[in-house]
Amino acid sequence: MELQNKTIELTKHLDKLKSHYLNNDKPENKKDRDLFTFIKQQTTPVYHLIQEWEVEATSFVKQRDVSVHPQQVVSTSENMELLLMHSYYIDVKKKRYMELNHSVLYVFDLLLNDINAKLENSN
């Protein structure tokens, strides 16, 4: 299932972003053009993946017999985008970053459980 693969891929990105946040220093100059170009190159494919995931996840959860609500999909997409930027600019406190991270991971896990349950029921 495509949604399952995208969710797993985003979970891997989430782990990499967290590692980047925890293991790198805050950039000296956030307005540095080279930094912006680097971040844009790193984040653009992930942004596209988040957008695709949101469309597919919204469609999936509207089937009603799942544990994820459509608004959770929207919030998770927004939070993942925030994490994408915070991971490179390192501009939020660790506690806030970890709250966002756990929130996104929680919804990804719920969604994967729902997908797996649907796959088992269809067999």
C-alpha atoms as a PDB file:
ATOM      1  CA  MET A   1       0.000   0.000   0.000  1.00  0.00           C
ATOM      2  CA  GLU A   2       1.375   3.368  -1.083  1.00  0.00           C
ATOM      3  CA  LEU A   3       0.247   5.206   2.071  1.00  0.00           C
ATOM      4  CA  GLN A   4       1.994   2.656   4.242  1.00  0.00           C
ATOM      5  CA  ASN A   5       5.270   3.127   2.346  1.00  0.00           C
ATOM      6  CA  LYS A   6       5.041   6.911   2.529  1.00  0.00           C
ATOM      7  CA  THR A   7       4.302   6.806   6.255  1.00  0.00           C
ATOM      8  CA  ILE A   8       7.304   4.547   6.853  1.00  0.00           C
ATOM      9  CA  GLU A   9       9.498   6.804   4.729  1.00  0.00           C
ATOM     10  CA  LEU A  10       8.342   9.896   6.637  1.00  0.00           C
ATOM     11  CA  THR A  11       9.051   8.099   9.911  1.00  0.00           C
ATOM     12  CA  LYS A  12      12.624   7.552   8.727  1.00  0.00           C
ATOM     13  CA  HIS A  13      12.899  11.235   7.776  1.00  0.00           C
ATOM     14  CA  LEU A  14      11.556  12.141  11.206  1.00  0.00           C
ATOM     15  CA  ASP A  15      14.341  10.127  12.831  1.00  0.00           C
ATOM     16  CA  LYS A  16      17.000  11.770  10.642  1.00  0.00           C
ATOM     17  CA  LEU A  17      15.617  15.228  11.392  1.00  0.00           C
ATOM     18  CA  LYS A  18      15.667  14.559  15.112  1.00  0.00           C
ATOM     19  CA  SER A  19      19.266  13.388  14.873  1.00  0.00           C
ATOM     20  CA  HIS A  20      20.182  16.522  12.921  1.00  0.00           C
ATOM     21  CA  TYR A  21      18.461  18.723  15.511  1.00  0.00           C
ATOM     22  CA  LEU A  22      20.208  17.021  18.429  1.00  0.00           C
ATOM     23  CA  ASN A  23      23.681  16.772  16.877  1.00  0.00           C
ATOM     24  CA  ASN A  24      24.139  20.134  15.184  1.00  0.00           C
ATOM     25  CA  ASP A  25      24.610  23.653  16.411  1.00  0.00           C
ATOM     26  CA  LYS A  26      22.313  26.523  15.663  1.00  0.00           C
ATOM     27  CA  PRO A  27      23.387  28.282  12.442  1.00  0.00           C
ATOM     28  CA  GLU A  28      25.334  31.479  13.036  1.00  0.00           C
ATOM     29  CA  ASN A  29      23.447  33.464  10.430  1.00  0.00           C
ATOM     30  CA  LYS A  30      19.945  32.313   9.516  1.00  0.00           C
ATOM     31  CA  LYS A  31      19.893  34.724   6.582  1.00  0.00           C
ATOM     32  CA  ASP A  32      22.926  33.143   4.926  1.00  0.00           C
ATOM     33  CA  ARG A  33      22.091  32.453   1.271  1.00  0.00           C
ATOM     34  CA  ASP A  34      24.192  29.276   1.124  1.00  0.00           C
ATOM     35  CA  LEU A  35      22.449  27.919   4.189  1.00  0.00           C
ATOM     36  CA  PHE A  36      19.057  28.672   2.656  1.00  0.00           C
ATOM     37  CA  THR A  37      20.039  26.924  -0.586  1.00  0.00           C
ATOM     38  CA  PHE A  38      21.324  23.887   1.314  1.00  0.00           C
ATOM     39  CA  ILE A  39      18.188  23.642   3.455  1.00  0.00           C
ATOM     40  CA  LYS A  40      15.955  24.041   0.425  1.00  0.00           C
ATOM     41  CA  GLN A  41      17.764  21.207  -1.375  1.00  0.00           C
ATOM     42  CA  GLN A  42      17.454  18.972   1.687  1.00  0.00           C
ATOM     43  CA  THR A  43      13.827  19.728   2.474  1.00  0.00           C
ATOM     44  CA  THR A  44      12.064  20.085  -0.890  1.00  0.00           C
ATOM     45  CA  PRO A  45      11.694  16.330  -1.544  1.00  0.00           C
ATOM     46  CA  VAL A  46      10.417  15.818   2.008  1.00  0.00           C
ATOM     47  CA  TYR A  47       7.907  18.665   1.621  1.00  0.00           C
ATOM     48  CA  HIS A  48       6.549  16.996  -1.510  1.00  0.00           C
ATOM     49  CA  LEU A  49       6.336  13.670   0.290  1.00  0.00           C
ATOM     50  CA  ILE A  50       4.452  15.302   3.193  1.00  0.00           C
ATOM     51  CA  GLN A  51       1.951  16.843   0.766  1.00  0.00           C
ATOM     52  CA  GLU A  52       1.385  13.529  -1.007  1.00  0.00           C
ATOM     53  CA  TRP A  53       1.076  11.740   2.329  1.00  0.00           C
ATOM     54  CA  GLU A  54      -1.519  14.239   3.573  1.00  0.00           C
ATOM     55  CA  VAL A  55      -3.742  13.715   0.512  1.00  0.00           C
ATOM     56  CA  GLU A  56      -3.552   9.926   0.756  1.00  0.00           C
ATOM     57  CA  ALA A  57      -3.898   9.826   4.543  1.00  0.00           C
ATOM     58  CA  THR A  58      -6.926  12.132   4.460  1.00  0.00           C
ATOM     59  CA  SER A  59      -8.603   9.913   1.916  1.00  0.00           C
ATOM     60  CA  PHE A  60      -7.802   6.822   3.979  1.00  0.00           C
ATOM     61  CA  VAL A  61      -9.062   8.183   7.321  1.00  0.00           C
ATOM     62  CA  LYS A  62     -12.315   9.447   5.815  1.00  0.00           C
ATOM     63  CA  GLN A  63     -13.324   5.783   5.586  1.00  0.00           C
ATOM     64  CA  ARG A  64     -14.390   6.271   9.216  1.00  0.00           C
ATOM     65  CA  ASP A  65     -13.493   2.886  10.699  1.00  0.00           C
ATOM     66  CA  VAL A  66      -9.999   4.012  11.663  1.00  0.00           C
ATOM     67  CA  SER A  67      -8.558   5.525  14.833  1.00  0.00           C
ATOM     68  CA  VAL A  68      -7.085   8.648  13.179  1.00  0.00           C
ATOM     69  CA  HIS A  69      -9.314  11.682  12.672  1.00  0.00           C
ATOM     70  CA  PRO A  70      -8.951  13.821   9.493  1.00  0.00           C
ATOM     71  CA  GLN A  71      -7.912  16.838  11.584  1.00  0.00           C
ATOM     72  CA  GLN A  72      -5.050  14.783  13.035  1.00  0.00           C
ATOM     73  CA  VAL A  73      -3.771  14.226   9.512  1.00  0.00           C
ATOM     74  CA  VAL A  74      -3.756  17.967   8.831  1.00  0.00           C
ATOM     75  CA  SER A  75      -2.058  18.727  12.160  1.00  0.00           C
ATOM     76  CA  THR A  76       0.516  16.006  11.616  1.00  0.00           C
ATOM     77  CA  SER A  77       1.345  17.351   8.177  1.00  0.00           C
ATOM     78  CA  GLU A  78       1.767  20.863   9.594  1.00  0.00           C
ATOM     79  CA  ASN A  79       3.860  19.590  12.505  1.00  0.00           C
ATOM     80  CA  MET A  80       6.096  17.589  10.185  1.00  0.00           C
ATOM     81  CA  GLU A  81       6.701  20.723   8.130  1.00  0.00           C
ATOM     82  CA  LEU A  82       7.566  22.624  11.313  1.00  0.00           C
ATOM     83  CA  LEU A  83      10.001  19.909  12.333  1.00  0.00           C
ATOM     84  CA  LEU A  84      11.578  20.070   8.912  1.00  0.00           C
ATOM     85  CA  MET A  85      12.473  23.730   9.427  1.00  0.00           C
ATOM     86  CA  HIS A  86      13.247  23.539  13.150  1.00  0.00           C
ATOM     87  CA  SER A  87      15.671  20.676  12.503  1.00  0.00           C
ATOM     88  CA  TYR A  88      17.878  22.859  10.334  1.00  0.00           C
ATOM     89  CA  TYR A  89      17.423  26.268  11.915  1.00  0.00           C
ATOM     90  CA  ILE A  90      17.390  24.815  15.442  1.00  0.00           C
ATOM     91  CA  ASP A  91      15.202  27.675  16.593  1.00  0.00           C
ATOM     92  CA  VAL A  92      12.927  26.071  19.193  1.00  0.00           C
ATOM     93  CA  LYS A  93      13.600  24.676  22.620  1.00  0.00           C
ATOM     94  CA  LYS A  94      14.300  20.992  22.880  1.00  0.00           C
ATOM     95  CA  LYS A  95      11.122  20.343  24.863  1.00  0.00           C
ATOM     96  CA  ARG A  96       8.908  21.867  22.143  1.00  0.00           C
ATOM     97  CA  TYR A  97      10.801  20.054  19.407  1.00  0.00           C
ATOM     98  CA  MET A  98      10.355  16.714  21.177  1.00  0.00           C
ATOM     99  CA  GLU A  99       6.640  17.368  21.744  1.00  0.00           C
ATOM    100  CA  LEU A 100       6.150  17.943  18.006  1.00  0.00           C
ATOM    101  CA  ASN A 101       8.253  14.899  17.208  1.00  0.00           C
ATOM    102  CA  HIS A 102       6.282  12.624  19.538  1.00  0.00           C
ATOM    103  CA  SER A 103       2.978  13.974  18.247  1.00  0.00           C
ATOM    104  CA  VAL A 104       3.887  13.213  14.628  1.00  0.00           C
ATOM    105  CA  LEU A 105       5.276   9.800  15.506  1.00  0.00           C
ATOM    106  CA  TYR A 106       2.126   8.946  17.479  1.00  0.00           C
ATOM    107  CA  VAL A 107      -0.156   9.651  14.495  1.00  0.00           C
ATOM    108  CA  PHE A 108       2.180   7.801  12.115  1.00  0.00           C
ATOM    109  CA  ASP A 109       2.037   4.765  14.432  1.00  0.00           C
ATOM    110  CA  LEU A 110      -1.754   4.925  14.703  1.00  0.00           C
ATOM    111  CA  LEU A 111      -2.081   5.190  10.950  1.00  0.00           C
ATOM    112  CA  LEU A 112       0.265   2.265  10.332  1.00  0.00           C
ATOM    113  CA  ASN A 113      -1.741   0.171  12.802  1.00  0.00           C
ATOM    114  CA  ASP A 114      -4.967   1.071  10.961  1.00  0.00           C
ATOM    115  CA  ILE A 115      -3.391   0.221   7.604  1.00  0.00           C
ATOM    116  CA  ASN A 116      -2.121  -3.112   8.891  1.00  0.00           C
ATOM    117  CA  ALA A 117      -5.532  -3.946  10.374  1.00  0.00           C
ATOM    118  CA  LYS A 118      -7.221  -3.163   7.048  1.00  0.00           C
ATOM    119  CA  LEU A 119      -4.709  -5.327   5.172  1.00  0.00           C
ATOM    120  CA  GLU A 120      -5.265  -8.236   7.572  1.00  0.00           C
ATOM    121  CA  ASN A 121      -9.046  -7.938   7.259  1.00  0.00           C
ATOM    122  CA  SER A 122      -8.887  -7.905   3.474  1.00  0.00           C
ATOM    123  CA  ASN A 123      -7.007 -11.224   3.362  1.00  0.00           C
END
